[in-house]
Protein backbone atom coordinates (compact mmCIF):
# COMPACT_ATOMS: atom_id res chain seq x y z
CA MET A 1 61.27 78.70 -75.15
CA LEU A 2 61.54 77.25 -78.67
CA ARG A 3 58.88 79.45 -80.25
CA PRO A 4 61.26 81.64 -82.32
CA ALA A 5 63.10 78.61 -83.73
CA LEU A 6 59.83 76.80 -84.48
CA GLU A 7 58.38 79.87 -86.18
CA THR A 8 61.41 80.11 -88.47
CA LYS A 9 60.56 76.56 -89.57
CA GLY A 10 57.00 77.62 -90.43
CA LEU A 11 55.13 76.57 -87.31
CA ARG A 12 52.33 78.96 -86.43
CA PHE A 13 50.93 79.51 -82.96
CA PRO A 14 47.23 80.28 -82.34
CA SER A 15 45.96 83.27 -80.44
CA LEU A 16 45.56 82.84 -76.67
CA ASP A 17 41.78 82.69 -77.14
CA VAL A 18 42.00 79.78 -79.60
CA ALA A 19 44.69 77.99 -77.59
CA SER A 20 42.70 78.26 -74.34
CA ARG A 21 39.74 76.53 -76.00
CA PHE A 22 41.80 73.79 -77.62
CA ALA A 23 43.15 71.83 -74.66
CA ILE A 24 43.70 72.14 -70.96
CA GLU A 25 45.98 70.42 -68.50
CA HIS A 26 44.97 72.36 -65.41
CA ALA A 27 42.62 75.31 -65.23
CA GLY A 28 44.14 78.67 -64.50
CA ALA A 29 43.41 82.37 -64.83
CA THR A 30 43.28 82.01 -68.63
CA HIS A 31 40.30 79.66 -68.24
CA HIS A 32 38.40 81.70 -65.63
CA GLY A 33 34.71 81.57 -66.48
CA MET A 34 35.27 79.16 -69.39
CA ASP A 35 32.69 76.46 -70.02
CA ALA A 36 34.75 73.27 -69.49
CA PRO A 37 32.76 71.16 -72.00
CA SER A 38 33.62 73.67 -74.73
CA ILE A 39 37.34 72.85 -74.41
CA PHE A 40 38.38 70.24 -76.98
CA GLY A 41 41.00 68.28 -75.00
CA HIS A 42 41.56 67.56 -71.32
CA HIS A 43 44.86 66.07 -70.20
CA SER A 44 46.91 66.02 -67.05
CA LYS A 45 49.69 64.22 -65.23
CA LEU A 46 47.25 63.91 -62.32
CA ARG A 47 44.33 62.25 -64.15
CA ARG A 48 44.20 59.44 -66.67
CA LEU A 49 41.52 57.66 -68.64
CA VAL A 50 41.96 54.12 -67.31
CA SER A 51 38.91 52.43 -68.84
CA ILE A 52 36.43 53.06 -71.62
CA ASP A 53 33.91 50.43 -70.47
CA PRO A 54 32.82 51.96 -68.21
CA PRO A 55 34.54 55.27 -68.94
CA THR A 56 36.71 55.85 -65.88
CA ILE A 57 39.15 58.58 -64.96
CA HIS A 58 41.64 57.90 -62.18
CA TYR A 59 43.42 60.64 -60.23
CA THR A 60 46.83 60.08 -58.71
CA ILE A 61 45.89 62.51 -55.92
CA SER A 62 43.10 62.63 -53.35
CA ARG A 63 39.83 64.48 -53.90
CA ALA A 64 40.92 66.99 -51.25
CA GLN A 65 44.14 67.68 -53.15
CA ALA A 66 42.21 68.03 -56.41
CA GLY A 67 40.00 70.58 -54.65
CA GLU A 68 43.03 72.74 -54.01
CA LEU A 69 43.71 73.06 -57.76
CA TYR A 70 41.94 75.95 -59.44
CA GLY A 71 38.90 74.68 -61.34
CA GLU A 72 39.73 70.97 -61.00
CA LEU A 73 36.52 70.03 -59.21
CA ASP A 74 34.57 71.79 -61.97
CA LEU A 75 36.30 69.45 -64.42
CA VAL A 76 35.39 66.49 -62.19
CA LYS A 77 31.72 67.57 -62.26
CA MET A 78 31.86 67.87 -66.04
CA PHE A 79 33.29 64.36 -66.39
CA VAL A 80 30.61 62.93 -64.07
CA ARG A 81 27.82 64.72 -66.00
CA ARG A 82 29.20 63.13 -69.17
CA GLY A 83 28.92 59.68 -67.63
CA TYR A 84 32.49 59.09 -66.46
CA ARG A 85 33.32 57.32 -63.24
CA VAL A 86 35.94 59.35 -61.36
CA GLU A 87 38.29 57.68 -58.89
CA PHE A 88 40.73 59.37 -56.54
CA ALA A 89 43.83 58.03 -54.82
CA TRP A 90 43.58 57.31 -51.09
C-alpha cells in the first residue's frame, strides 16, 4: 500500500524470488517446493521462540490447526531436525 511513497524516498524492493527466500511468516503458493532451511527468517503470530536453552518454539494453536496451514508442518519438521522442541497449545 505504501510502496510508491516509500520508493520516492529511495527505498528499494527486492524481486519476488529474493523476497521469498528472505523471510516467511506462513508458507503459501510463492513458497511451493521451497527448501524451508534455505529461507533466512521464520516468523509468525502463531509461533514464538520461547526459550533458547533448550531451543523451544511454542504455537498458540493446536497441532491439528497447524496442519491445516499450507506448509506449516514442514516448518515444524525443519525446526525439530534443527534441534528445536516444538510445543502446541491444547
